[in-house]
Amino acid sequence: PGKKCYARALYDYDPCEEGELQLQVGDVMEIVSREDPGWWYGYLRGKVGLFPSNYVEVV
């Protein structure tokens, strides 16, 4: 198994589409996939979904 990567939300984000994660400043999510430079998949509060990569910093 590879090393898990995490990201911390720098801004709030309200989902516009189904399958996106809601972010609140300070949330720390596990990064599942970073294949798309603009939208990453993450795991947060029991859900897997997309979030904008420019709203987070890798920790």
PDB file of N, CA and C in Angstrom:
ATOM      1  N   PRO A   1       0.836  -1.210   0.000  1.00  0.00           N
ATOM      2  CA  PRO A   1       0.000   0.000   0.000  1.00  0.00           C
ATOM      3  C   PRO A   1       0.867   1.254   0.000  1.00  0.00           C
ATOM      4  N   GLY A   2       0.469   2.229  -0.782  1.00  0.00           N
ATOM      5  CA  GLY A   2       1.215   3.479  -0.850  1.00  0.00           C
ATOM      6  C   GLY A   2       0.910   4.367   0.340  1.00  0.00           C
ATOM      7  N   LYS A   3       1.703   5.397   0.464  1.00  0.00           N
ATOM      8  CA  LYS A   3       1.513   6.360   1.544  1.00  0.00           C
ATOM      9  C   LYS A   3       0.269   7.196   1.264  1.00  0.00           C
ATOM     10  N   LYS A   4      -0.549   7.394   2.295  1.00  0.00           N
ATOM     11  CA  LYS A   4      -1.748   8.211   2.123  1.00  0.00           C
ATOM     12  C   LYS A   4      -1.365   9.686   2.108  1.00  0.00           C
ATOM     13  N   CYS A   5      -2.071  10.449   1.284  1.00  0.00           N
ATOM     14  CA  CYS A   5      -1.862  11.889   1.200  1.00  0.00           C
ATOM     15  C   CYS A   5      -3.114  12.590   1.712  1.00  0.00           C
ATOM     16  N   TYR A   6      -2.892  13.724   2.340  1.00  0.00           N
ATOM     17  CA  TYR A   6      -4.003  14.480   2.902  1.00  0.00           C
ATOM     18  C   TYR A   6      -3.933  15.927   2.437  1.00  0.00           C
ATOM     19  N   ALA A   7      -5.096  16.576   2.445  1.00  0.00           N
ATOM     20  CA  ALA A   7      -5.181  17.985   2.079  1.00  0.00           C
ATOM     21  C   ALA A   7      -6.048  18.707   3.101  1.00  0.00           C
ATOM     22  N   ARG A   8      -5.710  19.967   3.353  1.00  0.00           N
ATOM     23  CA  ARG A   8      -6.491  20.804   4.270  1.00  0.00           C
ATOM     24  C   ARG A   8      -7.190  21.885   3.465  1.00  0.00           C
ATOM     25  N   ALA A   9      -8.474  22.074   3.754  1.00  0.00           N
ATOM     26  CA  ALA A   9      -9.255  23.095   3.052  1.00  0.00           C
ATOM     27  C   ALA A   9      -8.828  24.489   3.498  1.00  0.00           C
ATOM     28  N   LEU A  10      -8.536  25.335   2.516  1.00  0.00           N
ATOM     29  CA  LEU A  10      -8.175  26.729   2.775  1.00  0.00           C
ATOM     30  C   LEU A  10      -9.399  27.638   2.727  1.00  0.00           C
ATOM     31  N   TYR A  11     -10.453  27.174   2.050  1.00  0.00           N
ATOM     32  CA  TYR A  11     -11.671  27.962   1.853  1.00  0.00           C
ATOM     33  C   TYR A  11     -12.880  27.045   1.984  1.00  0.00           C
ATOM     34  N   ASP A  12     -14.030  27.639   2.252  1.00  0.00           N
ATOM     35  CA  ASP A  12     -15.289  26.897   2.196  1.00  0.00           C
ATOM     36  C   ASP A  12     -15.638  26.635   0.737  1.00  0.00           C
ATOM     37  N   TYR A  13     -16.260  25.481   0.483  1.00  0.00           N
ATOM     38  CA  TYR A  13     -16.738  25.171  -0.865  1.00  0.00           C
ATOM     39  C   TYR A  13     -18.093  24.494  -0.759  1.00  0.00           C
ATOM     40  N   ASP A  14     -19.091  25.074  -1.405  1.00  0.00           N
ATOM     41  CA  ASP A  14     -20.420  24.474  -1.476  1.00  0.00           C
ATOM     42  C   ASP A  14     -20.557  23.770  -2.813  1.00  0.00           C
ATOM     43  N   PRO A  15     -20.903  22.485  -2.795  1.00  0.00           N
ATOM     44  CA  PRO A  15     -20.996  21.716  -4.041  1.00  0.00           C
ATOM     45  C   PRO A  15     -22.004  22.312  -5.021  1.00  0.00           C
ATOM     46  N   CYS A  16     -21.652  22.274  -6.296  1.00  0.00           N
ATOM     47  CA  CYS A  16     -22.541  22.714  -7.373  1.00  0.00           C
ATOM     48  C   CYS A  16     -23.163  21.511  -8.074  1.00  0.00           C
ATOM     49  N   GLU A  17     -22.488  20.385  -8.023  1.00  0.00           N
ATOM     50  CA  GLU A  17     -22.928  19.179  -8.725  1.00  0.00           C
ATOM     51  C   GLU A  17     -22.957  18.002  -7.761  1.00  0.00           C
ATOM     52  N   GLU A  18     -23.778  17.014  -8.092  1.00  0.00           N
ATOM     53  CA  GLU A  18     -23.785  15.769  -7.332  1.00  0.00           C
ATOM     54  C   GLU A  18     -22.399  15.128  -7.408  1.00  0.00           C
ATOM     55  N   GLY A  19     -21.945  14.563  -6.309  1.00  0.00           N
ATOM     56  CA  GLY A  19     -20.648  13.902  -6.303  1.00  0.00           C
ATOM     57  C   GLY A  19     -19.493  14.791  -5.878  1.00  0.00           C
ATOM     58  N   GLU A  20     -19.790  16.058  -5.552  1.00  0.00           N
ATOM     59  CA  GLU A  20     -18.754  16.954  -5.040  1.00  0.00           C
ATOM     60  C   GLU A  20     -18.826  17.000  -3.514  1.00  0.00           C
ATOM     61  N   LEU A  21     -17.690  17.219  -2.892  1.00  0.00           N
ATOM     62  CA  LEU A  21     -17.630  17.314  -1.437  1.00  0.00           C
ATOM     63  C   LEU A  21     -17.818  18.751  -0.981  1.00  0.00           C
ATOM     64  N   GLN A  22     -18.536  18.915   0.129  1.00  0.00           N
ATOM     65  CA  GLN A  22     -18.611  20.227   0.764  1.00  0.00           C
ATOM     66  C   GLN A  22     -17.378  20.388   1.641  1.00  0.00           C
ATOM     67  N   LEU A  23     -16.699  21.518   1.501  1.00  0.00           N
ATOM     68  CA  LEU A  23     -15.508  21.794   2.295  1.00  0.00           C
ATOM     69  C   LEU A  23     -15.776  22.953   3.238  1.00  0.00           C
ATOM     70  N   GLN A  24     -15.191  22.850   4.427  1.00  0.00           N
ATOM     71  CA  GLN A  24     -15.181  23.958   5.372  1.00  0.00           C
ATOM     72  C   GLN A  24     -13.725  24.229   5.715  1.00  0.00           C
ATOM     73  N   VAL A  25     -13.396  25.491   5.915  1.00  0.00           N
ATOM     74  CA  VAL A  25     -12.018  25.864   6.226  1.00  0.00           C
ATOM     75  C   VAL A  25     -11.493  24.981   7.354  1.00  0.00           C
ATOM     76  N   GLY A  26     -10.321  24.398   7.138  1.00  0.00           N
ATOM     77  CA  GLY A  26      -9.695  23.562   8.156  1.00  0.00           C
ATOM     78  C   GLY A  26      -9.985  22.083   8.025  1.00  0.00           C
ATOM     79  N   ASP A  27     -10.969  21.696   7.199  1.00  0.00           N
ATOM     80  CA  ASP A  27     -11.236  20.273   6.975  1.00  0.00           C
ATOM     81  C   ASP A  27      -9.981  19.595   6.448  1.00  0.00           C
ATOM     82  N   VAL A  28      -9.708  18.398   6.928  1.00  0.00           N
ATOM     83  CA  VAL A  28      -8.593  17.608   6.411  1.00  0.00           C
ATOM     84  C   VAL A  28      -9.169  16.341   5.802  1.00  0.00           C
ATOM     85  N   MET A  29      -8.936  16.157   4.501  1.00  0.00           N
ATOM     86  CA  MET A  29      -9.468  14.985   3.810  1.00  0.00           C
ATOM     87  C   MET A  29      -8.333  14.153   3.251  1.00  0.00           C
ATOM     88  N   GLU A  30      -8.595  12.857   3.118  1.00  0.00           N
ATOM     89  CA  GLU A  30      -7.633  11.979   2.460  1.00  0.00           C
ATOM     90  C   GLU A  30      -7.781  12.160   0.958  1.00  0.00           C
ATOM     91  N   ILE A  31      -6.671  12.340   0.256  1.00  0.00           N
ATOM     92  CA  ILE A  31      -6.698  12.458  -1.201  1.00  0.00           C
ATOM     93  C   ILE A  31      -6.721  11.054  -1.787  1.00  0.00           C
ATOM     94  N   VAL A  32      -7.756  10.770  -2.576  1.00  0.00           N
ATOM     95  CA  VAL A  32      -7.905   9.460  -3.207  1.00  0.00           C
ATOM     96  C   VAL A  32      -7.253   9.459  -4.587  1.00  0.00           C
ATOM     97  N   SER A  33      -7.433  10.553  -5.338  1.00  0.00           N
ATOM     98  CA  SER A  33      -6.897  10.631  -6.696  1.00  0.00           C
ATOM     99  C   SER A  33      -6.615  12.080  -7.062  1.00  0.00           C
ATOM    100  N   ARG A  34      -5.480  12.285  -7.764  1.00  0.00           N
ATOM    101  CA  ARG A  34      -5.123  13.630  -8.246  1.00  0.00           C
ATOM    102  C   ARG A  34      -4.887  13.600  -9.751  1.00  0.00           C
ATOM    103  N   GLU A  35      -5.605  12.749 -10.463  1.00  0.00           N
ATOM    104  CA  GLU A  35      -5.385  12.608 -11.907  1.00  0.00           C
ATOM    105  C   GLU A  35      -5.734  13.873 -12.678  1.00  0.00           C
ATOM    106  N   ASP A  36      -6.813  14.535 -12.294  1.00  0.00           N
ATOM    107  CA  ASP A  36      -7.217  15.780 -12.953  1.00  0.00           C
ATOM    108  C   ASP A  36      -6.589  16.933 -12.172  1.00  0.00           C
ATOM    109  N   PRO A  37      -5.869  17.844 -12.847  1.00  0.00           N
ATOM    110  CA  PRO A  37      -5.200  18.915 -12.107  1.00  0.00           C
ATOM    111  C   PRO A  37      -6.153  19.870 -11.386  1.00  0.00           C
ATOM    112  N   GLY A  38      -7.354  20.034 -11.878  1.00  0.00           N
ATOM    113  CA  GLY A  38      -8.280  20.995 -11.273  1.00  0.00           C
ATOM    114  C   GLY A  38      -9.221  20.413 -10.241  1.00  0.00           C
ATOM    115  N   TRP A  39      -9.526  19.124 -10.358  1.00  0.00           N
ATOM    116  CA  TRP A  39     -10.490  18.471  -9.468  1.00  0.00           C
ATOM    117  C   TRP A  39      -9.903  17.169  -8.951  1.00  0.00           C
ATOM    118  N   TRP A  40      -9.790  17.061  -7.642  1.00  0.00           N
ATOM    119  CA  TRP A  40      -9.262  15.852  -7.018  1.00  0.00           C
ATOM    120  C   TRP A  40     -10.391  15.085  -6.356  1.00  0.00           C
ATOM    121  N   TYR A  41     -10.200  13.778  -6.203  1.00  0.00           N
ATOM    122  CA  TYR A  41     -11.117  12.945  -5.426  1.00  0.00           C
ATOM    123  C   TYR A  41     -10.584  12.844  -4.010  1.00  0.00           C
ATOM    124  N   GLY A  42     -11.476  12.972  -3.048  1.00  0.00           N
ATOM    125  CA  GLY A  42     -11.065  12.852  -1.660  1.00  0.00           C
ATOM    126  C   GLY A  42     -12.108  12.137  -0.827  1.00  0.00           C
ATOM    127  N   TYR A  43     -11.702  11.770   0.389  1.00  0.00           N
ATOM    128  CA  TYR A  43     -12.559  11.083   1.345  1.00  0.00           C
ATOM    129  C   TYR A  43     -12.691  11.980   2.568  1.00  0.00           C
ATOM    130  N   LEU A  44     -13.932  12.380   2.870  1.00  0.00           N
ATOM    131  CA  LEU A  44     -14.183  13.302   3.976  1.00  0.00           C
ATOM    132  C   LEU A  44     -15.546  13.002   4.578  1.00  0.00           C
ATOM    133  N   ARG A  45     -15.592  12.885   5.900  1.00  0.00           N
ATOM    134  CA  ARG A  45     -16.848  12.642   6.627  1.00  0.00           C
ATOM    135  C   ARG A  45     -17.629  11.457   6.056  1.00  0.00           C
ATOM    136  N   GLY A  46     -16.911  10.391   5.713  1.00  0.00           N
ATOM    137  CA  GLY A  46     -17.569   9.176   5.244  1.00  0.00           C
ATOM    138  C   GLY A  46     -18.014   9.204   3.795  1.00  0.00           C
ATOM    139  N   LYS A  47     -17.641  10.242   3.054  1.00  0.00           N
ATOM    140  CA  LYS A  47     -18.031  10.352   1.646  1.00  0.00           C
ATOM    141  C   LYS A  47     -16.796  10.489   0.765  1.00  0.00           C
ATOM    142  N   VAL A  48     -16.899   9.950  -0.440  1.00  0.00           N
ATOM    143  CA  VAL A  48     -15.868  10.144  -1.459  1.00  0.00           C
ATOM    144  C   VAL A  48     -16.458  11.047  -2.526  1.00  0.00           C
ATOM    145  N   GLY A  49     -15.720  12.070  -2.923  1.00  0.00           N
ATOM    146  CA  GLY A  49     -16.225  12.964  -3.948  1.00  0.00           C
ATOM    147  C   GLY A  49     -15.142  13.884  -4.475  1.00  0.00           C
ATOM    148  N   LEU A  50     -15.546  14.699  -5.428  1.00  0.00           N
ATOM    149  CA  LEU A  50     -14.648  15.666  -6.057  1.00  0.00           C
ATOM    150  C   LEU A  50     -14.591  16.956  -5.245  1.00  0.00           C
ATOM    151  N   PHE A  51     -13.435  17.605  -5.312  1.00  0.00           N
ATOM    152  CA  PHE A  51     -13.310  18.943  -4.743  1.00  0.00           C
ATOM    153  C   PHE A  51     -12.280  19.711  -5.568  1.00  0.00           C
ATOM    154  N   PRO A  52     -12.395  21.050  -5.615  1.00  0.00           N
ATOM    155  CA  PRO A  52     -11.445  21.842  -6.404  1.00  0.00           C
ATOM    156  C   PRO A  52     -10.073  21.863  -5.730  1.00  0.00           C
ATOM    157  N   SER A  53      -9.059  21.489  -6.479  1.00  0.00           N
ATOM    158  CA  SER A  53      -7.713  21.375  -5.906  1.00  0.00           C
ATOM    159  C   SER A  53      -7.147  22.723  -5.458  1.00  0.00           C
ATOM    160  N   ASN A  54      -7.629  23.820  -6.042  1.00  0.00           N
ATOM    161  CA  ASN A  54      -7.102  25.134  -5.651  1.00  0.00           C
ATOM    162  C   ASN A  54      -7.727  25.650  -4.349  1.00  0.00           C
ATOM    163  N   TYR A  55      -8.626  24.872  -3.747  1.00  0.00           N
ATOM    164  CA  TYR A  55      -9.219  25.238  -2.458  1.00  0.00           C
ATOM    165  C   TYR A  55      -8.494  24.573  -1.294  1.00  0.00           C
ATOM    166  N   VAL A  56      -7.461  23.783  -1.578  1.00  0.00           N
ATOM    167  CA  VAL A  56      -6.793  23.019  -0.522  1.00  0.00           C
ATOM    168  C   VAL A  56      -5.275  23.152  -0.617  1.00  0.00           C
ATOM    169  N   GLU A  57      -4.608  22.774   0.476  1.00  0.00           N
ATOM    170  CA  GLU A  57      -3.154  22.623   0.470  1.00  0.00           C
ATOM    171  C   GLU A  57      -2.841  21.207   0.927  1.00  0.00           C
ATOM    172  N   VAL A  58      -1.859  20.597   0.292  1.00  0.00           N
ATOM    173  CA  VAL A  58      -1.440  19.254   0.681  1.00  0.00           C
ATOM    174  C   VAL A  58      -0.677  19.368   1.995  1.00  0.00           C
ATOM    175  N   VAL A  59      -0.999  18.474   2.925  1.00  0.00           N
ATOM    176  CA  VAL A  59      -0.348  18.504   4.250  1.00  0.00           C
ATOM    177  C   VAL A  59       0.428  17.227   4.494  1.00  0.00           C
TER     178      VAL A  59
END
